[in-house]
Amino acid sequence: MRDLKRGGLEDSHILPDSVQRRLVGGHVALSYMVEYTSQGRSRVQYFVRMFAKSTKGTFFVEIPAKADIDDFCKRFDLIVNTLRIP
């Protein structure tokens, strides 16, 4: 994973309960959420990282922390789950 602190997000942290192994298009993937503060506002980024034989993909969306995060992630997963990478 990239160095979040070097990217200017000093207070960022992965939400431990959010880390899940999964399959996307038949390939191993990992999903997780990162929480941080930006311009005084709490934010959450939801990441899905997919690993195929010769391809890696990272898909993410930023969610305002006050949003219904679980519902947002479920809707984002519907899109991610349609990916077909050889």
C-alpha atoms as a PDB file:
ATOM      1  CA  MET A   1       0.000   0.000   0.000  1.00  0.00           C
ATOM      2  CA  ARG A   2       1.170   3.510  -0.624  1.00  0.00           C
ATOM      3  CA  ASP A   3       2.647   5.503   2.194  1.00  0.00           C
ATOM      4  CA  LEU A   4      -0.350   7.555   3.334  1.00  0.00           C
ATOM      5  CA  LYS A   5       1.700   9.797   5.580  1.00  0.00           C
ATOM      6  CA  ARG A   6       4.044  10.743   2.724  1.00  0.00           C
ATOM      7  CA  GLY A   7       0.924  11.652   0.708  1.00  0.00           C
ATOM      8  CA  GLY A   8       0.047  14.366   3.229  1.00  0.00           C
ATOM      9  CA  LEU A   9      -2.564  12.420   5.180  1.00  0.00           C
ATOM     10  CA  GLU A  10      -0.822  12.325   8.562  1.00  0.00           C
ATOM     11  CA  ASP A  11      -3.883  11.215  10.527  1.00  0.00           C
ATOM     12  CA  SER A  12      -4.916   8.480   8.083  1.00  0.00           C
ATOM     13  CA  HIS A  13      -5.481   4.936   9.230  1.00  0.00           C
ATOM     14  CA  ILE A  14      -6.940   1.749   7.825  1.00  0.00           C
ATOM     15  CA  LEU A  15     -10.133   0.702   9.572  1.00  0.00           C
ATOM     16  CA  PRO A  16      -9.138  -2.806  10.719  1.00  0.00           C
ATOM     17  CA  ASP A  17     -12.657  -4.262  10.576  1.00  0.00           C
ATOM     18  CA  SER A  18     -12.992  -3.157   6.947  1.00  0.00           C
ATOM     19  CA  VAL A  19     -10.219  -5.368   5.499  1.00  0.00           C
ATOM     20  CA  GLN A  20     -11.663  -8.243   3.440  1.00  0.00           C
ATOM     21  CA  ARG A  21     -10.227 -10.765   0.994  1.00  0.00           C
ATOM     22  CA  ARG A  22     -12.535 -11.310  -1.955  1.00  0.00           C
ATOM     23  CA  LEU A  23     -12.763 -12.199  -5.627  1.00  0.00           C
ATOM     24  CA  VAL A  24     -13.309  -9.704  -8.430  1.00  0.00           C
ATOM     25  CA  GLY A  25     -13.852 -11.191 -11.867  1.00  0.00           C
ATOM     26  CA  GLY A  26     -12.355 -14.458 -10.627  1.00  0.00           C
ATOM     27  CA  HIS A  27      -9.185 -12.756  -9.340  1.00  0.00           C
ATOM     28  CA  VAL A  28      -7.980 -12.301  -5.784  1.00  0.00           C
ATOM     29  CA  ALA A  29      -8.785  -8.870  -4.400  1.00  0.00           C
ATOM     30  CA  LEU A  30      -8.557  -6.975  -1.149  1.00  0.00           C
ATOM     31  CA  SER A  31     -10.967  -4.288   0.002  1.00  0.00           C
ATOM     32  CA  TYR A  32     -10.514  -1.894   2.909  1.00  0.00           C
ATOM     33  CA  MET A  33     -11.392   1.592   4.154  1.00  0.00           C
ATOM     34  CA  VAL A  34      -9.020   4.404   5.096  1.00  0.00           C
ATOM     35  CA  GLU A  35     -10.233   7.180   7.394  1.00  0.00           C
ATOM     36  CA  TYR A  36      -8.558  10.610   7.512  1.00  0.00           C
ATOM     37  CA  THR A  37      -9.177  14.326   7.898  1.00  0.00           C
ATOM     38  CA  SER A  38      -8.873  16.777   5.018  1.00  0.00           C
ATOM     39  CA  GLN A  39      -9.516  20.508   5.329  1.00  0.00           C
ATOM     40  CA  GLY A  40     -11.095  19.934   8.718  1.00  0.00           C
ATOM     41  CA  ARG A  41     -13.535  17.325   7.431  1.00  0.00           C
ATOM     42  CA  SER A  42     -13.572  13.639   8.248  1.00  0.00           C
ATOM     43  CA  ARG A  43     -13.317  11.473   5.116  1.00  0.00           C
ATOM     44  CA  VAL A  44     -13.316   7.799   4.253  1.00  0.00           C
ATOM     45  CA  GLN A  45     -11.823   6.208   1.148  1.00  0.00           C
ATOM     46  CA  TYR A  46     -12.997   2.749   0.132  1.00  0.00           C
ATOM     47  CA  PHE A  47     -10.385   0.774  -1.829  1.00  0.00           C
ATOM     48  CA  VAL A  48     -10.637  -2.423  -3.834  1.00  0.00           C
ATOM     49  CA  ARG A  49      -7.285  -3.793  -5.054  1.00  0.00           C
ATOM     50  CA  MET A  50      -7.365  -6.636  -7.562  1.00  0.00           C
ATOM     51  CA  PHE A  51      -4.451  -8.872  -8.549  1.00  0.00           C
ATOM     52  CA  ALA A  52      -4.429 -10.883 -11.813  1.00  0.00           C
ATOM     53  CA  LYS A  53      -1.549 -12.720 -13.509  1.00  0.00           C
ATOM     54  CA  SER A  54      -0.151  -9.703 -15.337  1.00  0.00           C
ATOM     55  CA  THR A  55      -2.514  -6.965 -14.176  1.00  0.00           C
ATOM     56  CA  LYS A  56      -3.135  -5.083 -10.955  1.00  0.00           C
ATOM     57  CA  GLY A  57      -6.032  -2.733 -10.466  1.00  0.00           C
ATOM     58  CA  THR A  58      -6.901  -0.260  -7.748  1.00  0.00           C
ATOM     59  CA  PHE A  59     -10.385   1.168  -7.583  1.00  0.00           C
ATOM     60  CA  PHE A  60     -11.452   3.621  -4.931  1.00  0.00           C
ATOM     61  CA  VAL A  61     -14.038   6.172  -4.019  1.00  0.00           C
ATOM     62  CA  GLU A  62     -13.967   8.949  -1.420  1.00  0.00           C
ATOM     63  CA  ILE A  63     -16.964   9.089   0.883  1.00  0.00           C
ATOM     64  CA  PRO A  64     -17.891  11.895   3.276  1.00  0.00           C
ATOM     65  CA  ALA A  65     -17.739  10.231   6.722  1.00  0.00           C
ATOM     66  CA  LYS A  66     -21.283  11.352   7.511  1.00  0.00           C
ATOM     67  CA  ALA A  67     -22.667   9.390   4.534  1.00  0.00           C
ATOM     68  CA  ASP A  68     -24.149   5.904   4.854  1.00  0.00           C
ATOM     69  CA  ILE A  69     -20.793   4.240   4.224  1.00  0.00           C
ATOM     70  CA  ASP A  70     -22.082   0.654   4.113  1.00  0.00           C
ATOM     71  CA  ASP A  71     -24.735   1.521   1.515  1.00  0.00           C
ATOM     72  CA  PHE A  72     -22.213   3.515  -0.526  1.00  0.00           C
ATOM     73  CA  CYS A  73     -19.736   0.607  -0.533  1.00  0.00           C
ATOM     74  CA  LYS A  74     -22.428  -1.881  -1.555  1.00  0.00           C
ATOM     75  CA  ARG A  75     -23.351   0.305  -4.537  1.00  0.00           C
ATOM     76  CA  PHE A  76     -19.675   0.752  -5.480  1.00  0.00           C
ATOM     77  CA  ASP A  77     -19.144  -3.028  -5.212  1.00  0.00           C
ATOM     78  CA  LEU A  78     -21.892  -3.562  -7.793  1.00  0.00           C
ATOM     79  CA  ILE A  79     -19.739  -1.655 -10.279  1.00  0.00           C
ATOM     80  CA  VAL A  80     -16.445  -3.290  -9.236  1.00  0.00           C
ATOM     81  CA  ASN A  81     -17.966  -6.782  -9.481  1.00  0.00           C
ATOM     82  CA  THR A  82     -18.728  -6.249 -13.193  1.00  0.00           C
ATOM     83  CA  LEU A  83     -15.011  -5.999 -14.033  1.00  0.00           C
ATOM     84  CA  ARG A  84     -13.628  -8.687 -16.310  1.00  0.00           C
ATOM     85  CA  ILE A  85      -9.862  -8.554 -16.528  1.00  0.00           C
ATOM     86  CA  PRO A  86      -8.025 -11.393 -18.332  1.00  0.00           C
END
